């Protein structure tokens, strides 16, 4: 497949640096990710042009359609004189491989077809058209047999017409205005029906089922406003302008995806899009061996939902920090409080914890029955207890319990209320109550890695280290890029202490320190593992680090339920701290 920029010399003559910057942005944000998502390879770049190789005609055509459709969106508000518009040609034929380069008649035909394409258009060779007809979202115009420069034989060609892609000015027709809905206070998202790259009806059912499951599971995040599947499925099979869809549904984010099953393997590609600027915020490709389709569908749903949920929370955190509104709404303040307390927990910073408490209290002054505000307040008080950073941990525990009670009272479907109440029960040594609340939080939202990490921690303290290990590893599997990954590594270090797998514990601890060098729980767990290995010198190094970052944690009482774990926990810590002989 070949692509180039229409009027590139003119654009460079008018504004060389600006043109290069815009072209680079289009490559980074759209074109290169789209090529990768469809299994393509950039063979080489030639100034304004690209030569691409794909393993299938369908992948190549879908990639071309995606690029041209998205470029039309990105160019909508750009002055015509500054627009970067591509034309694309695709051919199916034999090539000569020369290292990383390719040559041959098949390549030459693709380049000549590209020159036949109009601005924003796609021209396909007849062989490509025959391979993709009925399998891509486009209509085709037969251009007949074209005589192409330096190509001996005429080439049958077709113009692909894609709704939403740029068209020549003479072809422009007025379109009715799209009615826009106001954005809700919460981050809002719609999941468009996943595309099945197959004419097989069963594969179409899989794509629909995956879409429906993703919508259902995203709805478990009470911090998100999720459009119902009955609405989004009205877009099934349509080529849509993502900006129009976003305006019609009143959402800030869109999810698009595709599924392909071939020769016993499944590939699912997912994208999170900001329709306002036509920018891809996140994308991922998942490959699995097909054994149990329903099991794979369940696994894919959980992984996709967990990642999207965390990506949106991260994006919203950045947006809220940038926003300088004079009177922020209660929900925005509550979310800011949650982000602040997450930062405070990561850093073990008592001042940041106090700031988070003030932020949540400010939100609750505006909206006293805001469940997420009470949950954030409870989480902040638990953090004070966890780090022993207040004069009276008992008072902080009582305040946290009351805040958690209010969160649950005002919204029993908000999983964070049960999550933090479970952690507070654990701090009180009430292991059974802790497990009950955390298991219920998991029922409410099994796609939040934070719930799985907390449940694993409670299971560890309650004496079931193997269950703890399973749940923490599952949390890591759900969101491999979780910013709290250091916490999972730290818990696994402590799990290995309980299981007397001290060498493995040190490995997990080092991974945690690599991402968060001064995380107090990691120092505490590693010093015990070093004692277990008989390396008292290294245990003392970790003990000194713990005294430096969280001195009150060094001599805190043990929260292990089983006597054998509790006795060893206390004894090993005393040895590391130099308070007892090895």
Protein backbone atom coordinates (compact mmCIF):
# COMPACT_ATOMS: atom_id res chain seq x y z
CA UNK A 1 0.00 0.00 0.00
CA UNK A 2 1.29 3.48 -0.88
CA UNK A 3 0.26 6.84 0.56
CA UNK A 4 1.37 10.43 0.07
CA UNK A 5 0.36 13.96 1.03
CA UNK A 6 -1.58 15.99 -1.52
CA UNK A 7 0.15 19.30 -2.33
CA UNK A 8 3.11 18.57 -0.09
CA UNK A 9 5.48 20.94 -1.92
CA UNK A 10 2.97 23.79 -1.64
CA UNK A 11 2.50 23.16 2.09
CA UNK A 12 6.27 23.06 2.68
CA UNK A 13 6.75 26.27 0.68
CA UNK A 14 4.17 28.11 2.79
CA UNK A 15 5.25 26.83 6.24
CA UNK A 16 7.99 24.19 6.35
CA UNK A 17 8.30 23.85 10.14
CA UNK A 18 4.55 23.93 10.73
CA UNK A 19 3.89 21.33 8.02
CA UNK A 20 6.52 18.98 9.39
CA UNK A 21 5.15 19.37 12.92
CA UNK A 22 1.58 18.63 11.81
CA UNK A 23 2.68 15.65 9.71
CA UNK A 24 4.70 14.30 12.64
CA UNK A 25 1.67 14.66 14.95
CA UNK A 26 -0.57 12.81 12.48
CA UNK A 27 2.00 10.03 12.22
CA UNK A 28 2.42 9.71 15.99
CA UNK A 29 -1.23 10.02 17.04
CA UNK A 30 -3.02 8.24 14.20
CA UNK A 31 -1.19 6.77 11.25
CA UNK A 32 1.57 4.68 12.85
CA UNK A 33 -0.77 3.26 15.55
CA UNK A 34 -3.39 2.41 12.89
CA UNK A 35 -0.80 0.60 10.77
CA UNK A 36 0.39 -1.39 13.77
CA UNK A 37 -3.17 -2.16 14.91
CA UNK A 38 -3.94 -3.71 11.52
CA UNK A 39 -0.78 -5.78 11.42
CA UNK A 40 1.01 -3.60 8.89
CA UNK A 41 4.66 -2.64 8.50
CA UNK A 42 6.17 0.64 7.37
CA UNK A 43 8.67 -0.44 4.74
CA UNK A 44 10.04 3.04 4.17
CA UNK A 45 9.17 6.72 4.20
CA UNK A 46 9.87 9.08 1.32
CA UNK A 47 9.40 12.66 2.49
CA UNK A 48 5.64 12.96 2.21
CA UNK A 49 5.10 9.32 1.23
CA UNK A 50 4.82 5.94 2.91
CA UNK A 51 5.26 2.45 1.53
CA UNK A 52 3.43 -0.12 3.65
CA UNK A 53 3.17 -3.89 3.69
CA UNK A 54 0.24 -5.92 5.08
CA UNK A 55 -0.32 -9.64 5.33
CA UNK A 56 -3.89 -9.36 4.04
CA UNK A 57 -5.85 -7.13 1.65
CA UNK A 58 -8.62 -6.74 4.24
CA UNK A 59 -6.20 -5.43 6.88
CA UNK A 60 -4.67 -3.00 4.40
CA UNK A 61 -8.04 -1.66 3.26
CA UNK A 62 -9.40 -1.31 6.78
CA UNK A 63 -6.27 0.56 7.76
CA UNK A 64 -6.68 2.92 4.78
CA UNK A 65 -10.34 3.50 5.69
CA UNK A 66 -9.48 4.21 9.32
CA UNK A 67 -6.76 6.68 8.38
CA UNK A 68 -8.85 8.60 5.86
CA UNK A 69 -11.90 8.71 8.11
CA UNK A 70 -9.90 9.94 11.09
CA UNK A 71 -7.97 12.47 8.99
CA UNK A 72 -11.26 14.01 7.86
CA UNK A 73 -12.13 14.53 11.53
CA UNK A 74 -8.72 15.95 12.38
CA UNK A 75 -8.86 18.37 9.43
CA UNK A 76 -12.39 19.60 10.09
CA UNK A 77 -11.35 22.72 12.00
CA UNK A 78 -8.06 23.31 10.17
CA UNK A 79 -7.93 26.06 7.51
CA UNK A 80 -8.03 24.52 4.05
CA UNK A 81 -4.64 25.99 3.15
CA UNK A 82 -3.02 24.16 6.08
CA UNK A 83 -4.72 20.77 5.85
CA UNK A 84 -2.63 17.66 5.42
CA UNK A 85 -4.66 15.31 3.21
CA UNK A 86 -3.54 11.87 2.10
CA UNK A 87 -4.29 9.79 -0.96
CA UNK A 88 -3.82 6.04 -0.83
CA UNK A 89 -3.40 3.24 -3.34
CA UNK A 90 -3.40 -0.49 -2.61
CA UNK A 91 -2.41 -3.47 -4.70
CA UNK A 92 -2.29 -7.24 -4.17
CA UNK A 93 0.56 -8.98 -5.93
CA UNK A 94 4.01 -10.53 -5.83
CA UNK A 95 6.89 -8.56 -4.37
CA UNK A 96 10.65 -8.94 -4.19
CA UNK A 97 12.03 -8.82 -0.64
CA UNK A 98 15.40 -7.08 -0.31
CA UNK A 99 16.35 -6.99 3.37
CA UNK A 100 13.80 -4.68 4.97
CA UNK A 101 12.84 -3.19 1.60
CA UNK A 102 10.45 -4.50 -1.05
CA UNK A 103 10.42 -4.06 -4.82
CA UNK A 104 8.62 -5.34 -7.84
CA UNK A 105 5.65 -4.80 -10.06
CA UNK A 106 3.22 -5.12 -7.13
CA UNK A 107 4.85 -2.15 -5.40
CA UNK A 108 4.92 -0.05 -8.58
CA UNK A 109 1.21 -0.61 -9.22
CA UNK A 110 0.33 0.48 -5.68
CA UNK A 111 2.30 3.71 -6.17
CA UNK A 112 0.58 4.43 -9.49
CA UNK A 113 -2.88 3.75 -8.03
CA UNK A 114 -2.10 6.17 -5.23
CA UNK A 115 -1.55 8.87 -7.85
CA UNK A 116 -5.03 8.12 -9.26
CA UNK A 117 -6.71 8.71 -5.91
CA UNK A 118 -8.40 12.02 -5.15
CA UNK A 119 -7.58 14.04 -2.06
CA UNK A 120 -8.66 12.00 0.96
CA UNK A 121 -9.43 9.07 -1.33
CA UNK A 122 -8.50 5.40 -1.70
CA UNK A 123 -8.02 3.51 -4.96
CA UNK A 124 -7.75 -0.28 -4.94
CA UNK A 125 -6.51 -2.69 -7.55
CA UNK A 126 -9.12 -5.13 -8.80
CA UNK A 127 -7.54 -8.02 -6.89
CA UNK A 128 -7.79 -6.04 -3.65
CA UNK A 129 -11.41 -5.10 -4.37
CA UNK A 130 -12.31 -8.73 -4.98
CA UNK A 131 -10.68 -9.76 -1.69
CA UNK A 132 -12.40 -7.11 0.46
CA UNK A 133 -15.79 -6.63 -1.17
CA UNK A 134 -18.49 -7.23 1.45
CA UNK A 135 -15.92 -7.38 4.24
CA UNK A 136 -15.16 -3.69 4.78
CA UNK A 137 -17.34 -0.69 5.52
CA UNK A 138 -17.14 1.03 2.14
CA UNK A 139 -18.83 1.20 -1.23
CA UNK A 140 -16.88 0.96 -4.47
CA UNK A 141 -16.90 2.78 -7.79
CA UNK A 142 -15.56 0.83 -10.76
CA UNK A 143 -12.95 2.99 -12.52
CA UNK A 144 -12.48 0.46 -15.29
CA UNK A 145 -9.13 -0.49 -16.80
CA UNK A 146 -6.53 2.20 -16.08
CA UNK A 147 -3.37 2.74 -18.09
CA UNK A 148 -0.75 3.52 -15.48
CA UNK A 149 2.63 5.13 -16.07
CA UNK A 150 5.42 2.59 -16.67
CA UNK A 151 3.01 -0.34 -16.14
CA UNK A 152 2.75 -2.48 -19.27
CA UNK A 153 -0.78 -3.86 -18.83
CA UNK A 154 -3.98 -1.96 -17.94
CA UNK A 155 -5.00 -2.37 -14.28
CA UNK A 156 -8.59 -2.74 -13.15
CA UNK A 157 -9.21 -0.25 -10.34
CA UNK A 158 -11.94 0.76 -7.88
CA UNK A 159 -12.44 3.89 -5.83
CA UNK A 160 -13.44 3.17 -2.23
CA UNK A 161 -16.06 5.57 -0.95
CA UNK A 162 -16.03 5.92 2.83
CA UNK A 163 -18.58 7.91 4.75
CA UNK A 164 -16.78 10.60 6.74
CA UNK A 165 -13.58 10.63 4.68
CA UNK A 166 -12.60 13.77 2.83
CA UNK A 167 -14.17 14.21 -0.58
CA UNK A 168 -13.39 16.61 -3.43
CA UNK A 169 -15.02 20.01 -3.04
CA UNK A 170 -17.26 19.39 -6.07
CA UNK A 171 -18.71 16.33 -4.36
CA UNK A 172 -19.52 18.08 -1.09
CA UNK A 173 -23.19 18.06 -0.16
CA UNK A 174 -24.82 19.74 2.81
CA UNK A 175 -25.52 17.48 5.79
CA UNK A 176 -28.09 18.05 8.50
CA UNK A 177 -26.70 19.44 11.75
CA UNK A 178 -26.01 17.02 14.59
CA UNK A 179 -27.88 17.76 17.79
CA UNK A 180 -25.37 17.94 20.65
CA UNK A 181 -26.08 16.70 24.16
CA UNK A 182 -24.44 18.34 27.16
CA UNK A 183 -21.65 16.35 28.79
CA UNK A 184 -22.49 14.90 32.22
CA UNK A 185 -20.42 15.83 35.28
CA UNK A 186 -18.86 12.35 35.28
CA UNK A 187 -16.50 11.13 32.55
CA UNK A 188 -18.85 9.78 29.88
CA UNK A 189 -18.14 6.95 27.47
CA UNK A 190 -19.82 4.99 24.70
CA UNK A 191 -18.64 1.63 23.38
CA UNK A 192 -19.38 1.27 19.69
CA UNK A 193 -20.14 -2.23 18.37
CA UNK A 194 -16.93 -4.14 17.75
CA UNK A 195 -16.32 -5.00 14.11
CA UNK A 196 -16.06 -8.63 13.08
CA UNK A 197 -13.53 -9.12 10.29
CA UNK A 198 -15.35 -12.15 8.98
CA UNK A 199 -18.51 -13.08 7.14
CA UNK A 200 -18.96 -15.94 9.63
CA UNK A 201 -22.15 -15.32 11.61
CA UNK A 202 -20.71 -16.96 14.74
CA UNK A 203 -17.79 -14.54 14.75
CA UNK A 204 -20.26 -11.69 14.44
CA UNK A 205 -22.01 -13.01 17.55
CA UNK A 206 -18.69 -13.06 19.38
CA UNK A 207 -18.01 -9.41 18.48
CA UNK A 208 -21.50 -8.37 19.61
CA UNK A 209 -21.19 -10.36 22.82
CA UNK A 210 -17.81 -8.84 23.63
CA UNK A 211 -19.19 -5.34 23.03
CA UNK A 212 -22.17 -5.97 25.28
CA UNK A 213 -19.99 -7.44 28.04
CA UNK A 214 -17.58 -4.49 27.93
CA UNK A 215 -20.50 -2.06 28.30
CA UNK A 216 -21.97 -4.05 31.20
CA UNK A 217 -18.66 -4.28 33.06
CA UNK A 218 -17.72 -0.63 32.49
CA UNK A 219 -21.04 0.26 34.12
CA UNK A 220 -19.72 -1.21 37.36
CA UNK A 221 -17.44 1.82 37.64
CA UNK A 222 -19.79 4.23 39.40
CA UNK A 223 -17.46 7.08 38.51
CA UNK A 224 -18.30 6.63 34.80
CA UNK A 225 -21.39 7.60 32.80
CA UNK A 226 -21.78 4.70 30.33
CA UNK A 227 -24.19 4.77 27.37
CA UNK A 228 -26.45 1.71 27.23
CA UNK A 229 -25.85 -1.00 24.65
CA UNK A 230 -29.33 -0.58 23.15
CA UNK A 231 -28.27 2.89 22.03
CA UNK A 232 -24.75 2.17 20.82
CA UNK A 233 -25.83 -0.89 18.83
CA UNK A 234 -27.81 1.42 16.54
CA UNK A 235 -24.41 2.28 15.02
CA UNK A 236 -23.60 -1.34 14.17
CA UNK A 237 -22.41 -1.77 10.59
CA UNK A 238 -22.24 1.97 9.92
CA UNK A 239 -19.24 4.06 8.99
CA UNK A 240 -19.50 6.94 11.44
CA UNK A 241 -17.82 10.23 12.21
CA UNK A 242 -16.67 9.86 15.80
CA UNK A 243 -17.25 13.56 16.49
CA UNK A 244 -20.89 13.28 15.41
CA UNK A 245 -21.41 10.16 17.53
CA UNK A 246 -19.90 11.89 20.55
CA UNK A 247 -22.16 14.91 20.09
CA UNK A 248 -25.25 12.77 19.51
CA UNK A 249 -24.64 10.72 22.65
CA UNK A 250 -23.14 13.47 24.79
CA UNK A 251 -19.94 11.59 25.67
CA UNK A 252 -16.32 12.55 26.17
CA UNK A 253 -14.80 9.19 25.19
CA UNK A 254 -15.50 6.51 22.60
CA UNK A 255 -14.31 2.91 22.46
CA UNK A 256 -13.95 1.13 19.14
CA UNK A 257 -12.72 -2.37 18.51
CA UNK A 258 -12.46 -5.27 16.13
CA UNK A 259 -12.29 -9.07 16.34
CA UNK A 260 -10.80 -11.66 14.05
CA UNK A 261 -10.72 -15.44 14.51
CA UNK A 262 -8.63 -17.47 12.08
CA UNK A 263 -6.88 -20.84 12.23
CA UNK A 264 -7.59 -21.29 15.90
CA UNK A 265 -6.36 -17.86 16.98
CA UNK A 266 -8.23 -14.76 18.12
CA UNK A 267 -7.07 -11.17 17.68
CA UNK A 268 -8.94 -8.35 19.40
CA UNK A 269 -7.94 -4.73 18.81
CA UNK A 270 -9.33 -1.96 21.02
CA UNK A 271 -8.97 1.83 20.93
CA UNK A 272 -9.96 4.57 23.36
CA UNK A 273 -10.65 7.79 21.43
CA UNK A 274 -11.07 11.45 22.30
CA UNK A 275 -13.60 12.44 19.61
CA UNK A 276 -13.17 16.14 20.33
CA UNK A 277 -9.79 16.15 18.61
CA UNK A 278 -10.04 12.83 16.77
CA UNK A 279 -7.11 11.52 18.81
CA UNK A 280 -6.42 7.96 19.87
CA UNK A 281 -5.67 8.01 23.60
CA UNK A 282 -4.87 4.35 24.03
CA UNK A 283 -4.88 1.21 21.93
CA UNK A 284 -3.99 -2.41 22.46
CA UNK A 285 -3.98 -5.65 20.51
CA UNK A 286 -4.71 -8.93 22.26
CA UNK A 287 -3.86 -12.31 20.72
CA UNK A 288 -5.20 -15.55 22.18
CA UNK A 289 -5.43 -19.21 21.20
CA UNK A 290 -9.07 -20.20 20.79
CA UNK A 291 -9.98 -23.09 23.07
CA UNK A 292 -13.02 -22.06 25.10
CA UNK A 293 -14.62 -19.06 23.33
CA UNK A 294 -16.72 -18.07 26.34
CA UNK A 295 -13.74 -18.20 28.69
CA UNK A 296 -11.73 -16.04 26.28
CA UNK A 297 -14.64 -13.60 25.97
CA UNK A 298 -14.79 -13.28 29.75
CA UNK A 299 -11.02 -12.82 30.03
CA UNK A 300 -10.91 -10.25 27.21
CA UNK A 301 -13.79 -8.31 28.76
CA UNK A 302 -12.12 -8.01 32.15
CA UNK A 303 -8.71 -7.03 30.74
CA UNK A 304 -10.20 -4.44 28.38
CA UNK A 305 -12.51 -2.93 30.98
CA UNK A 306 -9.87 -2.74 33.71
CA UNK A 307 -7.45 -0.98 31.39
CA UNK A 308 -10.02 1.47 30.01
CA UNK A 309 -11.28 2.27 33.50
CA UNK A 310 -7.79 3.06 34.75
CA UNK A 311 -6.84 4.99 31.59
CA UNK A 312 -9.90 7.25 31.96
CA UNK A 313 -9.25 7.83 35.65
CA UNK A 314 -5.67 8.86 34.82
CA UNK A 315 -6.82 11.18 32.02
CA UNK A 316 -9.45 12.74 34.26
CA UNK A 317 -6.91 13.24 37.04
CA UNK A 318 -4.68 15.18 34.67
CA UNK A 319 -7.63 17.22 33.38
CA UNK A 320 -8.84 18.08 36.87
CA UNK A 321 -5.37 19.17 37.92
CA UNK A 322 -5.19 21.49 34.89
CA UNK A 323 -8.69 22.88 35.41
CA UNK A 324 -8.76 26.19 37.25
CA UNK A 325 -12.53 26.65 37.72
CA UNK A 326 -13.45 29.10 40.47
CA UNK A 327 -16.29 26.89 41.74
CA UNK A 328 -15.48 23.26 40.93
CA UNK A 329 -18.43 20.92 41.11
CA UNK A 330 -18.70 18.50 43.99
CA UNK A 331 -17.93 15.43 41.90
CA UNK A 332 -14.78 17.01 40.44
CA UNK A 333 -13.60 17.91 43.94
CA UNK A 334 -14.29 14.40 45.20
CA UNK A 335 -12.32 12.89 42.33
CA UNK A 336 -9.49 15.33 42.99
CA UNK A 337 -9.52 14.17 46.60
CA UNK A 338 -9.23 10.54 45.47
CA UNK A 339 -6.31 11.37 43.18
CA UNK A 340 -4.61 13.27 46.01
CA UNK A 341 -5.02 10.40 48.44
CA UNK A 342 -3.63 7.94 45.88
CA UNK A 343 -0.57 10.17 45.56
CA UNK A 344 -0.31 10.44 49.36
CA UNK A 345 -0.46 6.65 49.73
CA UNK A 346 2.21 6.16 47.09
CA UNK A 347 4.52 8.65 48.80
CA UNK A 348 3.58 8.05 52.43
CA UNK A 349 3.11 11.82 52.69
CA UNK A 350 1.08 12.96 55.74
CA UNK A 351 0.73 16.52 54.44
CA UNK A 352 -0.75 15.29 51.15
CA UNK A 353 -3.14 13.07 53.12
CA UNK A 354 -4.37 16.09 55.11
CA UNK A 355 -4.85 18.01 51.85
CA UNK A 356 -6.93 15.15 50.44
CA UNK A 357 -9.13 15.19 53.55
CA UNK A 358 -9.74 18.92 53.08
CA UNK A 359 -10.59 18.44 49.40
CA UNK A 360 -13.11 15.68 50.12
CA UNK A 361 -14.68 17.73 52.92
CA UNK A 362 -15.03 20.67 50.54
CA UNK A 363 -16.85 18.42 48.06
CA UNK A 364 -19.19 17.17 50.78
CA UNK A 365 -20.06 20.72 51.80
CA UNK A 366 -21.44 21.22 48.30
CA UNK A 367 -23.12 17.80 48.04
CA UNK A 368 -23.45 16.10 51.47
CA UNK A 369 -24.81 12.83 50.05
CA UNK A 370 -22.01 12.28 47.51
CA UNK A 371 -20.93 8.68 48.11
CA UNK A 372 -17.60 8.95 46.32
CA UNK A 373 -16.70 11.97 48.49
CA UNK A 374 -17.31 9.96 51.67
CA UNK A 375 -15.36 7.01 50.24
CA UNK A 376 -12.39 9.29 49.49
CA UNK A 377 -12.54 10.72 53.01
CA UNK A 378 -12.60 7.21 54.51
CA UNK A 379 -9.65 6.17 52.34
CA UNK A 380 -7.66 9.19 53.56
CA UNK A 381 -8.29 8.31 57.21
CA UNK A 382 -7.28 4.70 56.53
CA UNK A 383 -4.03 5.96 55.00
CA UNK A 384 -3.33 7.89 58.21
CA UNK A 385 -3.82 4.66 60.17
CA UNK A 386 -1.75 2.58 57.74
CA UNK A 387 1.27 4.88 58.02
CA UNK A 388 0.68 5.71 61.72
CA UNK A 389 0.98 9.37 60.68
CA UNK A 390 -1.48 10.81 63.24
CA UNK A 391 -1.28 11.19 67.01
CA UNK A 392 -4.42 9.11 67.55
CA UNK A 393 -4.85 6.27 65.03
CA UNK A 394 -7.99 5.24 66.95
CA UNK A 395 -9.63 8.60 66.18
CA UNK A 396 -8.66 8.26 62.52
CA UNK A 397 -10.13 4.74 62.47
CA UNK A 398 -13.41 5.97 63.93
CA UNK A 399 -13.58 8.87 61.47
CA UNK A 400 -12.80 6.52 58.59
CA UNK A 401 -15.48 4.03 59.65
CA UNK A 402 -18.09 6.78 59.86
CA UNK A 403 -17.13 8.08 56.41
CA UNK A 404 -17.27 4.56 54.94
CA UNK A 405 -20.70 4.02 56.54
CA UNK A 406 -21.94 7.22 54.89
CA UNK A 407 -20.52 6.20 51.49
CA UNK A 408 -22.36 2.87 51.64
CA UNK A 409 -25.55 4.47 52.96
CA UNK A 410 -25.72 6.96 50.08
CA UNK A 411 -24.82 4.49 47.30
CA UNK A 412 -24.64 0.75 47.94
CA UNK A 413 -23.50 0.18 44.35
CA UNK A 414 -20.35 2.31 44.78
CA UNK A 415 -17.73 -0.37 45.40
CA UNK A 416 -15.20 2.01 46.94
CA UNK A 417 -17.27 2.34 50.13
CA UNK A 418 -17.10 -1.41 50.81
CA UNK A 419 -13.45 -1.53 49.72
CA UNK A 420 -12.27 1.06 52.23
CA UNK A 421 -14.50 -0.26 55.02
CA UNK A 422 -12.87 -3.65 54.49
CA UNK A 423 -9.41 -2.08 54.85
CA UNK A 424 -10.50 -0.31 58.03
CA UNK A 425 -11.86 -3.59 59.48
CA UNK A 426 -8.49 -5.14 58.67
CA UNK A 427 -6.67 -2.37 60.52
CA UNK A 428 -8.85 -3.17 63.54
CA UNK A 429 -7.89 -6.85 63.33
CA UNK A 430 -11.44 -7.80 62.28
CA UNK A 431 -10.36 -10.17 59.54
CA UNK A 432 -13.72 -11.82 58.83
CA UNK A 433 -15.52 -8.48 58.47
CA UNK A 434 -12.69 -7.25 56.25
CA UNK A 435 -12.95 -10.25 53.93
CA UNK A 436 -16.74 -9.90 53.76
CA UNK A 437 -16.60 -6.26 52.69
CA UNK A 438 -13.77 -6.76 50.21
CA UNK A 439 -15.42 -9.77 48.62
CA UNK A 440 -18.60 -7.74 48.21
CA UNK A 441 -16.60 -4.87 46.67
CA UNK A 442 -15.21 -7.47 44.25
CA UNK A 443 -18.76 -8.60 43.38
CA UNK A 444 -19.74 -5.00 42.68
CA UNK A 445 -16.71 -4.37 40.48
CA UNK A 446 -14.44 -7.31 39.67
CA UNK A 447 -12.62 -5.16 37.10
CA UNK A 448 -10.91 -2.73 39.49
CA UNK A 449 -7.33 -3.93 40.12
CA UNK A 450 -7.35 -1.98 43.39
CA UNK A 451 -10.12 -4.22 44.72
CA UNK A 452 -8.16 -7.35 43.85
CA UNK A 453 -4.98 -6.02 45.45
CA UNK A 454 -6.86 -5.09 48.63
CA UNK A 455 -8.64 -8.44 48.75
CA UNK A 456 -5.30 -10.20 48.31
CA UNK A 457 -3.79 -8.17 51.15
CA UNK A 458 -6.70 -9.07 53.45
CA UNK A 459 -6.39 -12.76 52.53
CA UNK A 460 -2.67 -12.62 53.31
CA UNK A 461 -3.29 -11.08 56.73
CA UNK A 462 -6.08 -13.61 57.35
CA UNK A 463 -3.78 -16.58 56.73
CA UNK A 464 -4.50 -17.58 53.12
CA UNK A 465 -1.29 -16.56 51.37
CA UNK A 466 -1.96 -18.70 48.29
CA UNK A 467 -5.35 -17.05 47.62
CA UNK A 468 -3.67 -13.67 48.20
CA UNK A 469 -1.02 -14.47 45.61
CA UNK A 470 -3.66 -15.53 43.07
CA UNK A 471 -5.70 -12.34 43.45
CA UNK A 472 -2.71 -9.98 43.33
CA UNK A 473 -1.37 -11.68 40.20
CA UNK A 474 -4.85 -11.41 38.69
CA UNK A 475 -4.85 -7.66 39.43
CA UNK A 476 -1.53 -7.33 37.60
CA UNK A 477 -2.90 -9.34 34.69
CA UNK A 478 -5.95 -7.09 34.45
CA UNK A 479 -3.90 -3.92 34.15
CA UNK A 480 -0.25 -4.53 33.27
CA UNK A 481 0.42 -0.76 33.22
CA UNK A 482 -1.23 0.03 36.55
CA UNK A 483 0.48 2.96 38.30
CA UNK A 484 -0.04 1.03 41.57
CA UNK A 485 1.95 -1.95 40.32
CA UNK A 486 4.63 -1.29 42.93
CA UNK A 487 1.98 -1.99 45.59
CA UNK A 488 1.18 -5.37 44.03
CA UNK A 489 4.89 -6.27 44.00
CA UNK A 490 5.13 -5.23 47.66
CA UNK A 491 2.20 -7.42 48.68
CA UNK A 492 3.74 -10.36 46.81
CA UNK A 493 6.99 -9.79 48.72
CA UNK A 494 5.02 -10.14 51.96
CA UNK A 495 3.17 -13.17 50.59
CA UNK A 496 6.52 -14.85 50.00
CA UNK A 497 7.53 -14.03 53.59
CA UNK A 498 4.40 -15.85 54.82
CA UNK A 499 5.13 -18.81 52.52
CA UNK A 500 8.82 -18.80 53.58
CA UNK A 501 9.84 -18.26 49.95
CA UNK A 502 12.36 -15.62 50.94
CA UNK A 503 14.46 -15.47 47.77
CA UNK A 504 11.37 -14.97 45.62
CA UNK A 505 10.19 -12.35 48.09
CA UNK A 506 13.38 -10.35 47.56
CA UNK A 507 12.80 -10.50 43.79
CA UNK A 508 9.30 -9.03 44.17
CA UNK A 509 10.62 -6.44 46.59
CA UNK A 510 13.31 -5.27 44.18
CA UNK A 511 10.68 -4.88 41.45
CA UNK A 512 8.61 -2.74 43.81
CA UNK A 513 11.62 -0.58 44.74
CA UNK A 514 12.47 -0.09 41.09
CA UNK A 515 9.12 1.66 40.60
CA UNK A 516 8.78 3.29 44.04
CA UNK A 517 12.14 3.28 45.88
CA UNK A 518 10.86 4.61 49.22
CA UNK A 519 7.62 2.66 49.65
CA UNK A 520 7.59 1.80 53.37
CA UNK A 521 5.71 -1.55 53.20
CA UNK A 522 8.32 -2.85 50.73
CA UNK A 523 11.17 -2.02 53.11
CA UNK A 524 9.27 -3.76 55.92
CA UNK A 525 8.65 -6.95 53.92
CA UNK A 526 12.15 -7.09 52.44
CA UNK A 527 13.87 -6.75 55.80
CA UNK A 528 11.91 -9.81 57.02
CA UNK A 529 12.84 -11.80 53.92
CA UNK A 530 16.53 -10.93 54.36
CA UNK A 531 16.33 -12.13 57.96
CA UNK A 532 14.76 -15.36 56.67
CA UNK A 533 17.76 -15.77 54.35
CA UNK A 534 20.18 -15.04 57.19
CA UNK A 535 21.46 -11.85 55.53
CA UNK A 536 21.23 -9.61 58.59
CA UNK A 537 23.36 -6.83 57.06
CA UNK A 538 20.91 -6.28 54.20
CA UNK A 539 18.00 -6.62 56.60
CA UNK A 540 19.48 -3.73 58.63
CA UNK A 541 19.77 -1.60 55.48
CA UNK A 542 16.04 -2.08 54.80
CA UNK A 543 15.24 -1.42 58.47
CA UNK A 544 17.14 1.86 58.38
CA UNK A 545 15.27 2.87 55.23
CA UNK A 546 11.95 2.05 56.93
CA UNK A 547 12.87 4.13 59.98
CA UNK A 548 13.67 7.01 57.66
CA UNK A 549 10.46 7.03 55.57
CA UNK A 550 7.89 5.73 58.11
CA UNK A 551 9.36 5.36 61.60
CA UNK A 552 6.05 4.45 63.23
CA UNK A 553 5.63 1.44 60.91
CA UNK A 554 8.91 -0.08 62.06
CA UNK A 555 7.57 -1.14 65.46
CA UNK A 556 3.84 -1.38 64.66
CA UNK A 557 1.94 -4.40 65.97
CA UNK A 558 1.56 -7.35 63.62
CA UNK A 559 -1.70 -7.67 61.70
CA UNK A 560 -1.23 -11.33 60.78
CA UNK A 561 -4.08 -13.49 62.05
CA UNK A 562 -2.33 -16.86 62.28
CA UNK A 563 -0.08 -17.19 65.36
CA UNK A 564 2.79 -18.73 63.39
CA UNK A 565 2.77 -15.83 60.91
CA UNK A 566 2.34 -13.20 63.61
CA UNK A 567 5.15 -14.58 65.82
CA UNK A 568 7.59 -14.83 62.90
CA UNK A 569 6.59 -11.35 61.65
CA UNK A 570 7.36 -9.76 65.03
CA UNK A 571 10.53 -11.76 65.64
CA UNK A 572 12.05 -11.11 62.20
CA UNK A 573 11.28 -7.40 62.40
CA UNK A 574 12.92 -7.15 65.83
CA UNK A 575 16.02 -8.89 64.47
CA UNK A 576 16.20 -6.52 61.49
CA UNK A 577 15.77 -3.51 63.76
CA UNK A 578 18.56 -4.71 66.06
CA UNK A 579 16.19 -5.29 68.96
CA UNK A 580 16.77 -9.06 69.14
CA UNK A 581 19.48 -11.56 68.29
CA UNK A 582 19.23 -13.62 65.11
